[in-house]
Structure formats: C-alpha cells, structure tokens
Amino acid sequence: MTTTDLATMAVGLLGAGAVTTGAALLHPSAGWIVGGVFGLAWSYLTARAAARGAA
C-alpha cells in the first residue's frame, strides 16, 4: 500500500466519522443510521473491488 493509499483511507475514515458525529449531534439515532449507511457502502465497494481482483 502506498503512502497516497494510506492518506486517502485515513481522510475517508475521518470524513465518515465527522459526518456520523455531526448527525449524532443533531439526533442520536441519526448518527447510527448514517454510520450504518457508511458501513454498508464500504462493504459493497470492498466486495466489488475483491470480485474484480483489485484487492
């Protein structure tokens, strides 16, 4: 994994955490919903990349 890959992953995780935290500050259950959506999207993209042989 290159430095750019690690930086991109770190920024993505921090961004997802920031959005989830912001939604949780508005309403606690909204934070769980947003976090779940990010988790589902992450697993879909990871499975798609693995199926293509990229991972």
PDB file of N, CA and C in Angstrom:
ATOM      1  N   MET A   1       0.847  -1.169   0.000  1.00  0.00           N
ATOM      2  CA  MET A   1       0.000   0.000   0.000  1.00  0.00           C
ATOM      3  C   MET A   1       0.900   1.242   0.000  1.00  0.00           C
ATOM      4  N   THR A   2       0.606   2.155  -0.890  1.00  0.00           N
ATOM      5  CA  THR A   2       1.425   3.351  -0.994  1.00  0.00           C
ATOM      6  C   THR A   2       0.996   4.392   0.051  1.00  0.00           C
ATOM      7  N   THR A   3       1.814   5.405   0.200  1.00  0.00           N
ATOM      8  CA  THR A   3       1.504   6.490   1.131  1.00  0.00           C
ATOM      9  C   THR A   3       0.226   7.201   0.716  1.00  0.00           C
ATOM     10  N   THR A   4       0.028   7.355  -0.579  1.00  0.00           N
ATOM     11  CA  THR A   4      -1.189   8.002  -1.073  1.00  0.00           C
ATOM     12  C   THR A   4      -2.419   7.173  -0.726  1.00  0.00           C
ATOM     13  N   ASP A   5      -2.322   5.856  -0.843  1.00  0.00           N
ATOM     14  CA  ASP A   5      -3.441   4.984  -0.482  1.00  0.00           C
ATOM     15  C   ASP A   5      -3.786   5.118   1.003  1.00  0.00           C
ATOM     16  N   LEU A   6      -2.752   5.136   1.838  1.00  0.00           N
ATOM     17  CA  LEU A   6      -2.979   5.262   3.277  1.00  0.00           C
ATOM     18  C   LEU A   6      -3.581   6.622   3.630  1.00  0.00           C
ATOM     19  N   ALA A   7      -3.087   7.677   2.989  1.00  0.00           N
ATOM     20  CA  ALA A   7      -3.628   9.010   3.244  1.00  0.00           C
ATOM     21  C   ALA A   7      -5.081   9.104   2.799  1.00  0.00           C
ATOM     22  N   THR A   8      -5.387   8.525   1.653  1.00  0.00           N
ATOM     23  CA  THR A   8      -6.760   8.541   1.150  1.00  0.00           C
ATOM     24  C   THR A   8      -7.689   7.782   2.087  1.00  0.00           C
ATOM     25  N   MET A   9      -7.251   6.637   2.587  1.00  0.00           N
ATOM     26  CA  MET A   9      -8.070   5.857   3.509  1.00  0.00           C
ATOM     27  C   MET A   9      -8.276   6.615   4.820  1.00  0.00           C
ATOM     28  N   ALA A  10      -7.219   7.243   5.323  1.00  0.00           N
ATOM     29  CA  ALA A  10      -7.330   7.987   6.581  1.00  0.00           C
ATOM     30  C   ALA A  10      -8.287   9.163   6.445  1.00  0.00           C
ATOM     31  N   VAL A  11      -8.184   9.903   5.346  1.00  0.00           N
ATOM     32  CA  VAL A  11      -9.085  11.039   5.133  1.00  0.00           C
ATOM     33  C   VAL A  11     -10.524  10.552   4.984  1.00  0.00           C
ATOM     34  N   GLY A  12     -10.728   9.446   4.275  1.00  0.00           N
ATOM     35  CA  GLY A  12     -12.074   8.895   4.121  1.00  0.00           C
ATOM     36  C   GLY A  12     -12.678   8.462   5.443  1.00  0.00           C
ATOM     37  N   LEU A  13     -11.884   7.793   6.274  1.00  0.00           N
ATOM     38  CA  LEU A  13     -12.386   7.347   7.573  1.00  0.00           C
ATOM     39  C   LEU A  13     -12.670   8.532   8.497  1.00  0.00           C
ATOM     40  N   LEU A  14     -11.783   9.518   8.480  1.00  0.00           N
ATOM     41  CA  LEU A  14     -12.025  10.709   9.295  1.00  0.00           C
ATOM     42  C   LEU A  14     -13.264  11.468   8.820  1.00  0.00           C
ATOM     43  N   GLY A  15     -13.462  11.543   7.518  1.00  0.00           N
ATOM     44  CA  GLY A  15     -14.647  12.206   6.980  1.00  0.00           C
ATOM     45  C   GLY A  15     -15.920  11.481   7.356  1.00  0.00           C
ATOM     46  N   ALA A  16     -15.901  10.158   7.241  1.00  0.00           N
ATOM     47  CA  ALA A  16     -17.088   9.384   7.624  1.00  0.00           C
ATOM     48  C   ALA A  16     -17.375   9.544   9.110  1.00  0.00           C
ATOM     49  N   GLY A  17     -16.329   9.556   9.916  1.00  0.00           N
ATOM     50  CA  GLY A  17     -16.509   9.757  11.353  1.00  0.00           C
ATOM     51  C   GLY A  17     -17.064  11.139  11.671  1.00  0.00           C
ATOM     52  N   ALA A  18     -16.584  12.149  10.941  1.00  0.00           N
ATOM     53  CA  ALA A  18     -17.069  13.508  11.168  1.00  0.00           C
ATOM     54  C   ALA A  18     -18.541  13.650  10.784  1.00  0.00           C
ATOM     55  N   VAL A  19     -18.929  13.070   9.664  1.00  0.00           N
ATOM     56  CA  VAL A  19     -20.333  13.147   9.237  1.00  0.00           C
ATOM     57  C   VAL A  19     -21.227  12.391  10.215  1.00  0.00           C
ATOM     58  N   THR A  20     -20.783  11.218  10.656  1.00  0.00           N
ATOM     59  CA  THR A  20     -21.553  10.427  11.609  1.00  0.00           C
ATOM     60  C   THR A  20     -21.705  11.168  12.938  1.00  0.00           C
ATOM     61  N   THR A  21     -20.612  11.775  13.401  1.00  0.00           N
ATOM     62  CA  THR A  21     -20.660  12.528  14.647  1.00  0.00           C
ATOM     63  C   THR A  21     -21.591  13.735  14.522  1.00  0.00           C
ATOM     64  N   GLY A  22     -21.517  14.423  13.399  1.00  0.00           N
ATOM     65  CA  GLY A  22     -22.400  15.565  13.185  1.00  0.00           C
ATOM     66  C   GLY A  22     -23.863  15.168  13.180  1.00  0.00           C
ATOM     67  N   ALA A  23     -24.164  14.047  12.533  1.00  0.00           N
ATOM     68  CA  ALA A  23     -25.553  13.569  12.526  1.00  0.00           C
ATOM     69  C   ALA A  23     -25.985  13.159  13.931  1.00  0.00           C
ATOM     70  N   ALA A  24     -25.066  12.562  14.695  1.00  0.00           N
ATOM     71  CA  ALA A  24     -25.405  12.153  16.062  1.00  0.00           C
ATOM     72  C   ALA A  24     -25.650  13.356  16.965  1.00  0.00           C
ATOM     73  N   LEU A  25     -24.975  14.470  16.672  1.00  0.00           N
ATOM     74  CA  LEU A  25     -25.217  15.677  17.469  1.00  0.00           C
ATOM     75  C   LEU A  25     -26.605  16.246  17.202  1.00  0.00           C
ATOM     76  N   LEU A  26     -27.104  16.062  15.987  1.00  0.00           N
ATOM     77  CA  LEU A  26     -28.460  16.515  15.673  1.00  0.00           C
ATOM     78  C   LEU A  26     -29.494  15.605  16.333  1.00  0.00           C
ATOM     79  N   HIS A  27     -29.278  14.302  16.196  1.00  0.00           N
ATOM     80  CA  HIS A  27     -30.182  13.324  16.791  1.00  0.00           C
ATOM     81  C   HIS A  27     -29.402  12.020  16.940  1.00  0.00           C
ATOM     82  N   PRO A  28     -29.347  11.433  18.136  1.00  0.00           N
ATOM     83  CA  PRO A  28     -28.512  10.247  18.343  1.00  0.00           C
ATOM     84  C   PRO A  28     -28.804   9.088  17.386  1.00  0.00           C
ATOM     85  N   SER A  29     -30.060   8.825  17.089  1.00  0.00           N
ATOM     86  CA  SER A  29     -30.354   7.704  16.190  1.00  0.00           C
ATOM     87  C   SER A  29     -29.936   8.009  14.755  1.00  0.00           C
ATOM     88  N   ALA A  30     -29.897   9.284  14.378  1.00  0.00           N
ATOM     89  CA  ALA A  30     -29.428   9.646  13.038  1.00  0.00           C
ATOM     90  C   ALA A  30     -27.954   9.285  12.882  1.00  0.00           C
ATOM     91  N   GLY A  31     -27.185   9.415  13.953  1.00  0.00           N
ATOM     92  CA  GLY A  31     -25.778   9.017  13.910  1.00  0.00           C
ATOM     93  C   GLY A  31     -25.616   7.536  13.622  1.00  0.00           C
ATOM     94  N   TRP A  32     -26.446   6.710  14.239  1.00  0.00           N
ATOM     95  CA  TRP A  32     -26.392   5.262  13.978  1.00  0.00           C
ATOM     96  C   TRP A  32     -26.789   4.941  12.539  1.00  0.00           C
ATOM     97  N   ILE A  33     -27.799   5.634  12.042  1.00  0.00           N
ATOM     98  CA  ILE A  33     -28.257   5.389  10.673  1.00  0.00           C
ATOM     99  C   ILE A  33     -27.169   5.778   9.675  1.00  0.00           C
ATOM    100  N   VAL A  34     -26.582   6.953   9.854  1.00  0.00           N
ATOM    101  CA  VAL A  34     -25.523   7.408   8.940  1.00  0.00           C
ATOM    102  C   VAL A  34     -24.319   6.474   9.026  1.00  0.00           C
ATOM    103  N   GLY A  35     -23.949   6.078  10.229  1.00  0.00           N
ATOM    104  CA  GLY A  35     -22.839   5.135  10.387  1.00  0.00           C
ATOM    105  C   GLY A  35     -23.124   3.803   9.705  1.00  0.00           C
ATOM    106  N   GLY A  36     -24.351   3.333   9.808  1.00  0.00           N
ATOM    107  CA  GLY A  36     -24.734   2.082   9.137  1.00  0.00           C
ATOM    108  C   GLY A  36     -24.682   2.196   7.626  1.00  0.00           C
ATOM    109  N   VAL A  37     -25.108   3.338   7.103  1.00  0.00           N
ATOM    110  CA  VAL A  37     -25.055   3.561   5.653  1.00  0.00           C
ATOM    111  C   VAL A  37     -23.610   3.564   5.178  1.00  0.00           C
ATOM    112  N   PHE A  38     -22.725   4.238   5.925  1.00  0.00           N
ATOM    113  CA  PHE A  38     -21.306   4.219   5.569  1.00  0.00           C
ATOM    114  C   PHE A  38     -20.756   2.791   5.609  1.00  0.00           C
ATOM    115  N   GLY A  39     -21.141   2.012   6.613  1.00  0.00           N
ATOM    116  CA  GLY A  39     -20.678   0.627   6.709  1.00  0.00           C
ATOM    117  C   GLY A  39     -21.148  -0.223   5.537  1.00  0.00           C
ATOM    118  N   LEU A  40     -22.413  -0.064   5.157  1.00  0.00           N
ATOM    119  CA  LEU A  40     -22.943  -0.813   4.020  1.00  0.00           C
ATOM    120  C   LEU A  40     -22.241  -0.412   2.717  1.00  0.00           C
ATOM    121  N   ALA A  41     -22.030   0.885   2.533  1.00  0.00           N
ATOM    122  CA  ALA A  41     -21.348   1.353   1.327  1.00  0.00           C
ATOM    123  C   ALA A  41     -19.914   0.837   1.284  1.00  0.00           C
ATOM    124  N   TRP A  42     -19.232   0.863   2.413  1.00  0.00           N
ATOM    125  CA  TRP A  42     -17.848   0.382   2.482  1.00  0.00           C
ATOM    126  C   TRP A  42     -17.781  -1.109   2.130  1.00  0.00           C
ATOM    127  N   SER A  43     -18.668  -1.910   2.697  1.00  0.00           N
ATOM    128  CA  SER A  43     -18.627  -3.341   2.429  1.00  0.00           C
ATOM    129  C   SER A  43     -18.974  -3.651   0.976  1.00  0.00           C
ATOM    130  N   TYR A  44     -19.910  -2.896   0.392  1.00  0.00           N
ATOM    131  CA  TYR A  44     -20.257  -3.085  -1.016  1.00  0.00           C
ATOM    132  C   TYR A  44     -19.063  -2.776  -1.912  1.00  0.00           C
ATOM    133  N   LEU A  45     -18.426  -1.637  -1.674  1.00  0.00           N
ATOM    134  CA  LEU A  45     -17.285  -1.248  -2.505  1.00  0.00           C
ATOM    135  C   LEU A  45     -16.103  -2.209  -2.327  1.00  0.00           C
ATOM    136  N   THR A  46     -15.891  -2.688  -1.113  1.00  0.00           N
ATOM    137  CA  THR A  46     -14.816  -3.649  -0.867  1.00  0.00           C
ATOM    138  C   THR A  46     -15.100  -4.977  -1.567  1.00  0.00           C
ATOM    139  N   ALA A  47     -16.335  -5.448  -1.492  1.00  0.00           N
ATOM    140  CA  ALA A  47     -16.693  -6.705  -2.160  1.00  0.00           C
ATOM    141  C   ALA A  47     -16.587  -6.571  -3.672  1.00  0.00           C
ATOM    142  N   ARG A  48     -16.989  -5.434  -4.207  1.00  0.00           N
ATOM    143  CA  ARG A  48     -16.888  -5.208  -5.650  1.00  0.00           C
ATOM    144  C   ARG A  48     -15.430  -5.173  -6.111  1.00  0.00           C
ATOM    145  N   ALA A  49     -14.577  -4.522  -5.313  1.00  0.00           N
ATOM    146  CA  ALA A  49     -13.146  -4.474  -5.646  1.00  0.00           C
ATOM    147  C   ALA A  49     -12.516  -5.864  -5.561  1.00  0.00           C
ATOM    148  N   ALA A  50     -12.908  -6.659  -4.572  1.00  0.00           N
ATOM    149  CA  ALA A  50     -12.381  -8.015  -4.443  1.00  0.00           C
ATOM    150  C   ALA A  50     -12.828  -8.895  -5.602  1.00  0.00           C
ATOM    151  N   ALA A  51     -14.058  -8.705  -6.046  1.00  0.00           N
ATOM    152  CA  ALA A  51     -14.558  -9.506  -7.168  1.00  0.00           C
ATOM    153  C   ALA A  51     -13.827  -9.175  -8.454  1.00  0.00           C
ATOM    154  N   ARG A  52     -13.390  -7.948  -8.581  1.00  0.00           N
ATOM    155  CA  ARG A  52     -12.639  -7.545  -9.774  1.00  0.00           C
ATOM    156  C   ARG A  52     -11.166  -7.888  -9.665  1.00  0.00           C
ATOM    157  N   GLY A  53     -10.739  -8.351  -8.498  1.00  0.00           N
ATOM    158  CA  GLY A  53      -9.341  -8.718  -8.303  1.00  0.00           C
ATOM    159  C   GLY A  53      -8.456  -7.559  -7.938  1.00  0.00           C
ATOM    160  N   ALA A  54      -9.039  -6.433  -7.525  1.00  0.00           N
ATOM    161  CA  ALA A  54      -8.245  -5.258  -7.196  1.00  0.00           C
ATOM    162  C   ALA A  54      -7.695  -5.313  -5.773  1.00  0.00           C
ATOM    163  N   ALA A  55      -8.313  -6.089  -4.903  1.00  0.00           N
ATOM    164  CA  ALA A  55      -7.878  -6.105  -3.511  1.00  0.00           C
ATOM    165  C   ALA A  55      -6.938  -7.239  -3.216  1.00  0.00           C
TER     166      ALA A  55
END
